[in-house]
C-alpha atoms as a PDB file:
ATOM      1  CA  MET A   1      31.178  -1.301 -28.036  1.00  0.00           C
ATOM      2  CA  PRO A   2      32.658  -2.946 -24.840  1.00  0.00           C
ATOM      3  CA  PHE A   3      31.696  -0.091 -22.869  1.00  0.00           C
ATOM      4  CA  ARG A   4      28.069  -0.720 -23.711  1.00  0.00           C
ATOM      5  CA  PHE A   5      28.308  -4.354 -22.448  1.00  0.00           C
ATOM      6  CA  LEU A   6      30.053  -3.231 -19.262  1.00  0.00           C
ATOM      7  CA  THR A   7      27.333  -0.689 -18.613  1.00  0.00           C
ATOM      8  CA  LEU A   8      24.551  -3.164 -19.245  1.00  0.00           C
ATOM      9  CA  PHE A   9      26.214  -5.762 -16.990  1.00  0.00           C
ATOM     10  CA  LEU A  10      26.570  -3.121 -14.146  1.00  0.00           C
ATOM     11  CA  ILE A  11      22.960  -2.131 -14.507  1.00  0.00           C
ATOM     12  CA  SER A  12      21.774  -5.732 -14.401  1.00  0.00           C
ATOM     13  CA  LEU A  13      23.915  -6.319 -11.253  1.00  0.00           C
ATOM     14  CA  MET A  14      22.173  -3.368  -9.627  1.00  0.00           C
ATOM     15  CA  ILE A  15      18.867  -4.467 -10.481  1.00  0.00           C
ATOM     16  CA  CYS A  16      19.355  -8.081  -9.417  1.00  0.00           C
ATOM     17  CA  GLY A  17      20.837  -7.393  -6.043  1.00  0.00           C
ATOM     18  CA  CYS A  18      23.408  -9.727  -4.367  1.00  0.00           C
ATOM     19  CA  SER A  19      22.000 -12.957  -5.621  1.00  0.00           C
ATOM     20  CA  GLY A  20      21.876 -12.056  -9.185  1.00  0.00           C
ATOM     21  CA  GLU A  21      18.280 -12.742  -9.437  1.00  0.00           C
ATOM     22  CA  ALA A  22      15.770 -10.629 -11.485  1.00  0.00           C
ATOM     23  CA  ASN A  23      12.846 -12.043  -9.520  1.00  0.00           C
ATOM     24  CA  LEU A  24      13.248 -12.183  -5.743  1.00  0.00           C
ATOM     25  CA  PRO A  25      11.687 -15.123  -3.620  1.00  0.00           C
ATOM     26  CA  ALA A  26       8.703 -13.937  -1.659  1.00  0.00           C
ATOM     27  CA  VAL A  27       9.151 -13.858   2.122  1.00  0.00           C
ATOM     28  CA  THR A  28       5.941 -13.213   3.997  1.00  0.00           C
ATOM     29  CA  GLY A  29       4.986 -14.366   7.472  1.00  0.00           C
ATOM     30  CA  LYS A  30       3.600 -13.603  10.802  1.00  0.00           C
ATOM     31  CA  VAL A  31       5.414 -12.592  13.991  1.00  0.00           C
ATOM     32  CA  THR A  32       4.050 -13.688  17.462  1.00  0.00           C
ATOM     33  CA  ILE A  33       5.231 -13.161  20.958  1.00  0.00           C
ATOM     34  CA  ASP A  34       4.096 -15.892  23.481  1.00  0.00           C
ATOM     35  CA  GLY A  35       1.553 -16.943  20.762  1.00  0.00           C
ATOM     36  CA  VAL A  36      -0.031 -13.469  20.323  1.00  0.00           C
ATOM     37  CA  PRO A  37       0.363 -11.499  17.157  1.00  0.00           C
ATOM     38  CA  LEU A  38       3.010  -8.609  17.538  1.00  0.00           C
ATOM     39  CA  LYS A  39       0.844  -5.644  16.472  1.00  0.00           C
ATOM     40  CA  ARG A  40       3.636  -3.326  15.129  1.00  0.00           C
ATOM     41  CA  GLY A  41       7.478  -3.268  14.503  1.00  0.00           C
ATOM     42  CA  SER A  42      10.164  -3.555  11.934  1.00  0.00           C
ATOM     43  CA  ILE A  43      12.243  -6.524  10.592  1.00  0.00           C
ATOM     44  CA  SER A  44      15.575  -6.076   9.123  1.00  0.00           C
ATOM     45  CA  LEU A  45      17.310  -9.029   7.544  1.00  0.00           C
ATOM     46  CA  ARG A  46      21.186  -8.758   7.670  1.00  0.00           C
ATOM     47  CA  PRO A  47      23.018 -11.004   5.191  1.00  0.00           C
ATOM     48  CA  VAL A  48      25.317 -13.559   6.656  1.00  0.00           C
ATOM     49  CA  ASP A  49      27.442 -13.483   3.527  1.00  0.00           C
ATOM     50  CA  PRO A  50      29.666 -10.252   3.571  1.00  0.00           C
ATOM     51  CA  ALA A  51      29.624 -10.190  -0.229  1.00  0.00           C
ATOM     52  CA  CYS A  52      25.888  -9.431  -0.192  1.00  0.00           C
ATOM     53  CA  LYS A  53      25.183  -5.737   0.383  1.00  0.00           C
ATOM     54  CA  ASP A  54      21.390  -5.934   0.294  1.00  0.00           C
ATOM     55  CA  GLU A  55      19.409  -5.571   3.601  1.00  0.00           C
ATOM     56  CA  PRO A  56      15.852  -6.604   3.102  1.00  0.00           C
ATOM     57  CA  TYR A  57      13.332  -5.085   5.462  1.00  0.00           C
ATOM     58  CA  ALA A  58       9.661  -5.262   6.539  1.00  0.00           C
ATOM     59  CA  THR A  59       7.058  -3.508   8.619  1.00  0.00           C
ATOM     60  CA  ILE A  60       4.995  -5.636  11.022  1.00  0.00           C
ATOM     61  CA  GLU A  61       1.287  -5.063  10.441  1.00  0.00           C
ATOM     62  CA  ALA A  62      -1.397  -4.958  13.046  1.00  0.00           C
ATOM     63  CA  ASP A  63      -2.282  -8.621  12.603  1.00  0.00           C
ATOM     64  CA  GLY A  64       1.353  -9.546  13.014  1.00  0.00           C
ATOM     65  CA  THR A  65       1.888 -10.124   9.319  1.00  0.00           C
ATOM     66  CA  PHE A  66       4.901  -8.912   7.343  1.00  0.00           C
ATOM     67  CA  LYS A  67       6.100  -8.750   3.671  1.00  0.00           C
ATOM     68  CA  VAL A  68       9.761  -8.375   2.965  1.00  0.00           C
ATOM     69  CA  MET A  69      11.045  -5.868   0.535  1.00  0.00           C
ATOM     70  CA  THR A  70      14.395  -5.300  -1.003  1.00  0.00           C
ATOM     71  CA  LYS A  71      15.267  -1.963  -2.574  1.00  0.00           C
ATOM     72  CA  ASN A  72      11.477  -1.259  -2.991  1.00  0.00           C
ATOM     73  CA  ARG A  73      10.857  -4.603  -4.765  1.00  0.00           C
ATOM     74  CA  PRO A  74       8.893  -7.403  -2.911  1.00  0.00           C
ATOM     75  CA  GLY A  75      11.031 -10.405  -1.818  1.00  0.00           C
ATOM     76  CA  SER A  76      14.705 -11.005  -0.803  1.00  0.00           C
ATOM     77  CA  PRO A  77      17.709 -12.353  -2.412  1.00  0.00           C
ATOM     78  CA  LYS A  78      18.581 -15.943  -1.805  1.00  0.00           C
ATOM     79  CA  GLY A  79      20.900 -16.653   1.049  1.00  0.00           C
ATOM     80  CA  LYS A  80      21.087 -16.840   5.137  1.00  0.00           C
ATOM     81  CA  PHE A  81      20.034 -13.835   6.940  1.00  0.00           C
ATOM     82  CA  ALA A  82      20.177 -12.826  10.737  1.00  0.00           C
ATOM     83  CA  VAL A  83      16.785 -11.325  11.573  1.00  0.00           C
ATOM     84  CA  LEU A  84      16.773  -8.236  13.560  1.00  0.00           C
ATOM     85  CA  LEU A  85      13.260  -6.939  15.089  1.00  0.00           C
ATOM     86  CA  THR A  86      12.330  -3.889  16.875  1.00  0.00           C
ATOM     87  CA  ALA A  87       8.924  -3.003  18.224  1.00  0.00           C
ATOM     88  CA  TYR A  88       8.084  -0.039  20.542  1.00  0.00           C
ATOM     89  CA  GLU A  89       5.025   1.290  22.328  1.00  0.00           C
ATOM     90  CA  ASP A  90       3.666   4.723  21.154  1.00  0.00           C
ATOM     91  CA  ILE A  91       5.487   7.655  22.425  1.00  0.00           C
ATOM     92  CA  ASP A  92       3.818   9.270  25.352  1.00  0.00           C
ATOM     93  CA  PRO A  93       2.232  12.571  24.382  1.00  0.00           C
ATOM     94  CA  ASN A  94       2.539  13.756  27.937  1.00  0.00           C
ATOM     95  CA  ASN A  95       6.236  13.007  27.998  1.00  0.00           C
ATOM     96  CA  PRO A  96       7.526  13.095  24.415  1.00  0.00           C
ATOM     97  CA  SER A  97      11.277  13.073  25.438  1.00  0.00           C
ATOM     98  CA  ALA A  98      10.925   9.706  27.234  1.00  0.00           C
ATOM     99  CA  ALA A  99      12.145   6.576  25.467  1.00  0.00           C
ATOM    100  CA  PRO A 100       9.274   4.450  24.427  1.00  0.00           C
ATOM    101  CA  LYS A 101       9.244   0.910  25.952  1.00  0.00           C
ATOM    102  CA  SER A 102      10.033  -2.060  23.915  1.00  0.00           C
ATOM    103  CA  LEU A 103       7.303  -4.531  23.204  1.00  0.00           C
ATOM    104  CA  ILE A 104       9.880  -7.381  22.724  1.00  0.00           C
ATOM    105  CA  PRO A 105      13.101  -8.430  24.363  1.00  0.00           C
ATOM    106  CA  LYS A 106      16.204  -6.548  23.363  1.00  0.00           C
ATOM    107  CA  ARG A 107      17.852  -9.775  22.339  1.00  0.00           C
ATOM    108  CA  TYR A 108      15.840  -9.731  19.101  1.00  0.00           C
ATOM    109  CA  ALA A 109      17.624  -6.600  17.937  1.00  0.00           C
ATOM    110  CA  LYS A 110      21.226  -7.447  18.727  1.00  0.00           C
ATOM    111  CA  MET A 111      23.361  -7.566  15.657  1.00  0.00           C
ATOM    112  CA  ASP A 112      26.357  -8.934  17.358  1.00  0.00           C
ATOM    113  CA  LYS A 113      24.432 -12.015  18.509  1.00  0.00           C
ATOM    114  CA  PRO A 114      21.303 -12.472  16.461  1.00  0.00           C
ATOM    115  CA  ALA A 115      18.540 -14.700  18.103  1.00  0.00           C
ATOM    116  CA  ILE A 116      17.019 -15.578  14.717  1.00  0.00           C
ATOM    117  CA  HIS A 117      18.265 -16.725  11.532  1.00  0.00           C
ATOM    118  CA  ILE A 118      16.348 -17.703   8.318  1.00  0.00           C
ATOM    119  CA  GLU A 119      17.249 -19.163   4.938  1.00  0.00           C
ATOM    120  CA  VAL A 120      15.788 -17.809   1.673  1.00  0.00           C
ATOM    121  CA  PRO A 121      14.068 -19.477   0.016  1.00  0.00           C
ATOM    122  CA  SER A 122      12.177 -21.582   2.735  1.00  0.00           C
ATOM    123  CA  ALA A 123       8.619 -22.945   3.163  1.00  0.00           C
ATOM    124  CA  ASN A 124       7.986 -20.926   6.359  1.00  0.00           C
ATOM    125  CA  TYR A 125       9.013 -17.611   7.531  1.00  0.00           C
ATOM    126  CA  ASP A 126       6.782 -17.120  10.522  1.00  0.00           C
ATOM    127  CA  LEU A 127       8.720 -15.915  13.646  1.00  0.00           C
ATOM    128  CA  SER A 128       7.762 -16.945  17.125  1.00  0.00           C
ATOM    129  CA  LEU A 129       9.166 -14.920  19.907  1.00  0.00           C
ATOM    130  CA  SER A 130       9.251 -15.391  23.640  1.00  0.00           C
ATOM    131  CA  SER A 131       9.174 -12.711  26.337  1.00  0.00           C
ATOM    132  CA  LYS A 132      10.990 -15.270  28.607  1.00  0.00           C
ATOM    133  CA  PRO A 133      14.784 -15.221  28.744  1.00  0.00           C
END
């Protein structure tokens, strides 16, 4: 009998993620650079708390909007996160081995010194980037 309770407890932890929540708070917003919507890219949320192993993620849509997912579920666990962004031009078909050019400054993708942090839950998840240093 104790084995069943332990099994159910472990399964509930896997389902709930690092926050222990069955329902994750929605995290949606818009990414702009110099006031213009970023038309593509990826977002990775890295937890500041080392006990949290979940890494929510999102794809930036053509209108700059994004919707964060965690383990294929909408939303993010509660907590503070470093926000890492990447966005690249299409690969040149005439030179497929060339590295694509980044559409945003590299500082937005640095894990060792994140340029942006967010707290979940929050009232606003819009991300305003700048091309200037």
